């Protein structure tokens, strides 16, 4: 996902389902938090498309159907029936630096980890490694962009990836692929919750 903007509490004394400039947000079509979410949804479908075939045709078809349904629901929540995600502030330079550093670290860790798995003749575990690292790279964004959604997104994806690695080390067949597919679905569920305003700051009474 691309960097989201800092979400701060609305100035109003009560919460509102409204969105856009009236509640301190950019127009829906150009809100970077929304198109950043779309990039995350595309990434989640890559997990499903890349790794579900190893689980067999029934499980793969089910994963595709679930993934496409969640993808469509999240797009609808963002662009057809949008709600407020919280007021918007442009990302600080430090936040952009953290974003860039996390992406570089993500690519480096996947490369190093893949080499280590190949050296140990455990290359089949790479899907779970990728999920673990992708999840971990999201977690610092929660602080950088003041978006608590990233704690849940990164934590769930990294945890599922780690479970896949552990199960794969113990010899469970296709554990890495199953964990990666589950991680993709988890990403979609959390993005859908985000699109529906579940992580938006709640205004409080003065």
Protein backbone atom coordinates (compact mmCIF):
# COMPACT_ATOMS: atom_id res chain seq x y z
CA UNK A 1 0.00 0.00 0.00
CA UNK A 2 1.08 3.53 -0.59
CA UNK A 3 1.40 5.96 2.28
CA UNK A 4 -1.85 7.04 3.79
CA UNK A 5 -2.29 10.44 5.30
CA UNK A 6 -2.44 11.26 8.96
CA UNK A 7 -5.95 10.93 10.32
CA UNK A 8 -6.81 13.37 13.03
CA UNK A 9 -10.01 13.81 14.97
CA UNK A 10 -12.74 15.91 13.34
CA UNK A 11 -13.44 19.34 14.73
CA UNK A 12 -17.14 18.62 15.13
CA UNK A 13 -18.45 17.57 18.52
CA UNK A 14 -20.29 14.56 17.18
CA UNK A 15 -19.43 11.82 14.74
CA UNK A 16 -20.85 12.04 11.26
CA UNK A 17 -21.13 9.50 8.45
CA UNK A 18 -20.43 12.33 5.97
CA UNK A 19 -17.27 12.54 3.92
CA UNK A 20 -15.36 15.01 1.79
CA UNK A 21 -14.39 18.61 2.45
CA UNK A 22 -17.19 19.13 4.97
CA UNK A 23 -15.43 16.82 7.42
CA UNK A 24 -11.85 17.76 6.50
CA UNK A 25 -11.27 15.12 3.82
CA UNK A 26 -10.20 15.39 0.15
CA UNK A 27 -12.76 14.47 -2.52
CA UNK A 28 -13.27 10.72 -2.65
CA UNK A 29 -11.65 10.29 -6.07
CA UNK A 30 -8.35 11.85 -4.98
CA UNK A 31 -8.14 10.78 -1.35
CA UNK A 32 -4.76 8.98 -1.13
CA UNK A 33 -6.02 6.78 1.69
CA UNK A 34 -8.66 5.35 -0.62
CA UNK A 35 -6.45 4.68 -3.63
CA UNK A 36 -3.76 3.39 -1.26
CA UNK A 37 -6.34 0.88 -0.04
CA UNK A 38 -7.04 -0.13 -3.63
CA UNK A 39 -3.36 -0.92 -4.14
CA UNK A 40 -3.50 -3.07 -1.01
CA UNK A 41 -6.56 -4.88 -2.38
CA UNK A 42 -4.70 -5.61 -5.61
CA UNK A 43 -1.80 -6.98 -3.58
CA UNK A 44 -4.16 -9.23 -1.65
CA UNK A 45 -5.50 -10.66 -4.91
CA UNK A 46 -1.92 -11.36 -5.99
CA UNK A 47 -1.54 -13.53 -2.87
CA UNK A 48 -4.72 -15.43 -3.74
CA UNK A 49 -3.92 -15.78 -7.45
CA UNK A 50 -0.32 -16.83 -6.87
CA UNK A 51 -0.73 -19.35 -4.07
CA UNK A 52 -4.28 -20.74 -4.05
CA UNK A 53 -3.73 -23.15 -7.00
CA UNK A 54 -1.45 -25.24 -4.75
CA UNK A 55 -4.44 -25.89 -2.48
CA UNK A 56 -6.45 -27.70 -5.14
CA UNK A 57 -9.30 -26.59 -7.41
CA UNK A 58 -12.04 -26.51 -4.75
CA UNK A 59 -10.07 -24.45 -2.23
CA UNK A 60 -8.65 -22.25 -4.98
CA UNK A 61 -12.09 -21.51 -6.42
CA UNK A 62 -13.44 -20.74 -2.95
CA UNK A 63 -10.52 -18.41 -2.27
CA UNK A 64 -11.09 -16.59 -5.55
CA UNK A 65 -14.81 -16.17 -4.90
CA UNK A 66 -14.23 -14.88 -1.38
CA UNK A 67 -11.43 -12.60 -2.55
CA UNK A 68 -13.42 -11.11 -5.41
CA UNK A 69 -16.46 -10.57 -3.19
CA UNK A 70 -14.40 -8.76 -0.55
CA UNK A 71 -12.58 -6.77 -3.25
CA UNK A 72 -15.89 -5.58 -4.72
CA UNK A 73 -17.34 -4.81 -1.28
CA UNK A 74 -14.32 -2.71 -0.33
CA UNK A 75 -14.39 -0.79 -3.62
CA UNK A 76 -18.08 -0.12 -3.13
CA UNK A 77 -17.51 1.07 0.43
CA UNK A 78 -14.75 3.43 -0.72
CA UNK A 79 -16.31 4.85 -3.88
CA UNK A 80 -20.02 4.00 -4.19
CA UNK A 81 -21.23 4.52 -0.62
CA UNK A 82 -18.29 6.28 1.04
CA UNK A 83 -18.16 7.26 4.69
CA UNK A 84 -15.66 9.42 6.54
CA UNK A 85 -12.22 7.93 7.17
CA UNK A 86 -11.28 10.82 9.47
CA UNK A 87 -9.92 14.24 8.63
CA UNK A 88 -6.85 14.41 6.42
CA UNK A 89 -3.43 15.94 6.97
CA UNK A 90 -0.61 15.62 4.41
CA UNK A 91 2.06 13.08 5.46
CA UNK A 92 5.08 14.54 7.25
CA UNK A 93 8.51 14.18 5.60
CA UNK A 94 9.49 11.76 8.37
CA UNK A 95 6.47 9.61 7.56
CA UNK A 96 7.46 9.43 3.89
CA UNK A 97 11.01 8.52 4.89
CA UNK A 98 9.68 5.71 7.10
CA UNK A 99 7.52 4.49 4.24
CA UNK A 100 10.47 4.37 1.86
CA UNK A 101 12.72 2.67 4.42
CA UNK A 102 10.07 0.04 5.14
CA UNK A 103 9.64 -0.78 1.46
CA UNK A 104 13.41 -1.13 0.98
CA UNK A 105 13.67 -3.28 4.12
CA UNK A 106 10.75 -5.42 2.93
CA UNK A 107 12.43 -6.18 -0.39
CA UNK A 108 15.77 -6.86 1.28
CA UNK A 109 14.28 -9.22 3.88
CA UNK A 110 12.34 -11.17 1.26
CA UNK A 111 15.53 -11.54 -0.79
CA UNK A 112 17.67 -12.58 2.17
CA UNK A 113 15.00 -14.88 3.56
CA UNK A 114 14.43 -16.53 0.18
CA UNK A 115 18.15 -17.25 -0.14
CA UNK A 116 18.21 -18.71 3.35
CA UNK A 117 15.24 -20.97 2.60
CA UNK A 118 16.85 -22.11 -0.65
CA UNK A 119 20.09 -22.91 1.17
CA UNK A 120 18.14 -24.98 3.69
CA UNK A 121 16.17 -26.72 0.92
CA UNK A 122 12.98 -25.13 2.22
CA UNK A 123 12.11 -23.00 -0.78
CA UNK A 124 8.49 -24.21 -0.59
CA UNK A 125 8.06 -22.04 2.49
CA UNK A 126 8.66 -18.80 0.57
CA UNK A 127 4.95 -17.85 0.32
CA UNK A 128 4.73 -17.76 4.12
CA UNK A 129 7.99 -15.81 4.32
CA UNK A 130 6.60 -13.22 1.90
CA UNK A 131 3.40 -12.89 3.94
CA UNK A 132 5.35 -12.49 7.18
CA UNK A 133 7.60 -9.77 5.80
CA UNK A 134 4.78 -7.93 4.03
CA UNK A 135 2.84 -7.88 7.28
CA UNK A 136 5.78 -6.61 9.31
CA UNK A 137 6.46 -3.79 6.86
CA UNK A 138 2.94 -2.40 7.44
CA UNK A 139 3.25 -2.06 11.22
CA UNK A 140 5.48 1.09 11.35
CA UNK A 141 2.94 2.87 9.13
CA UNK A 142 0.53 2.93 12.08
CA UNK A 143 2.83 5.38 13.86
CA UNK A 144 4.11 7.18 10.76
CA UNK A 145 0.64 7.98 9.40
CA UNK A 146 -1.39 7.85 12.63
CA UNK A 147 -3.56 5.08 11.18
CA UNK A 148 -4.22 2.35 13.74
CA UNK A 149 -5.60 0.17 10.96
CA UNK A 150 -2.01 -0.70 10.07
CA UNK A 151 -1.50 -2.42 13.43
CA UNK A 152 -4.32 -4.79 12.59
CA UNK A 153 -3.35 -5.16 8.94
CA UNK A 154 0.32 -5.80 9.59
CA UNK A 155 -0.23 -7.86 12.71
CA UNK A 156 -2.74 -10.24 11.14
CA UNK A 157 -0.78 -10.75 7.92
CA UNK A 158 2.54 -11.25 9.74
CA UNK A 159 0.97 -13.65 12.25
CA UNK A 160 -0.60 -15.78 9.54
CA UNK A 161 2.69 -15.84 7.66
CA UNK A 162 4.59 -16.88 10.79
CA UNK A 163 2.09 -19.68 11.45
CA UNK A 164 2.61 -20.87 7.89
CA UNK A 165 6.38 -20.86 8.34
CA UNK A 166 6.15 -22.80 11.60
CA UNK A 167 3.72 -25.34 10.17
CA UNK A 168 5.85 -25.72 7.05
CA UNK A 169 8.98 -26.36 9.13
CA UNK A 170 7.02 -29.12 10.88
CA UNK A 171 6.21 -30.70 7.55
CA UNK A 172 2.57 -29.68 7.10
CA UNK A 173 1.80 -29.94 3.39
CA UNK A 174 1.01 -26.65 1.60
CA UNK A 175 1.03 -24.76 4.92
CA UNK A 176 2.96 -21.86 3.38
CA UNK A 177 0.53 -21.44 0.50
CA UNK A 178 -2.50 -21.71 2.79
CA UNK A 179 -1.05 -19.08 5.11
CA UNK A 180 -0.35 -16.71 2.22
CA UNK A 181 -3.89 -17.08 0.87
CA UNK A 182 -5.32 -16.53 4.35
CA UNK A 183 -3.12 -13.45 4.67
CA UNK A 184 -4.54 -12.09 1.41
CA UNK A 185 -8.10 -12.60 2.61
CA UNK A 186 -7.23 -11.02 5.96
CA UNK A 187 -5.92 -7.93 4.17
CA UNK A 188 -9.19 -7.63 2.29
CA UNK A 189 -11.31 -7.96 5.43
CA UNK A 190 -9.35 -5.24 7.22
CA UNK A 191 -9.38 -2.91 4.20
CA UNK A 192 -13.15 -3.41 3.98
CA UNK A 193 -13.51 -2.50 7.66
CA UNK A 194 -11.34 0.57 7.05
CA UNK A 195 -13.43 1.59 4.03
CA UNK A 196 -16.55 1.37 6.19
CA UNK A 197 -15.06 3.76 8.72
CA UNK A 198 -14.42 1.19 11.47
CA UNK A 199 -10.96 2.65 12.15
CA UNK A 200 -11.92 6.31 11.78
CA UNK A 201 -11.21 8.48 14.85
CA UNK A 202 -14.32 8.97 16.92
CA UNK A 203 -15.12 12.55 17.85
CA UNK A 204 -15.92 13.11 21.53
CA UNK A 205 -18.15 15.47 23.36
CA UNK A 206 -16.40 18.66 24.51
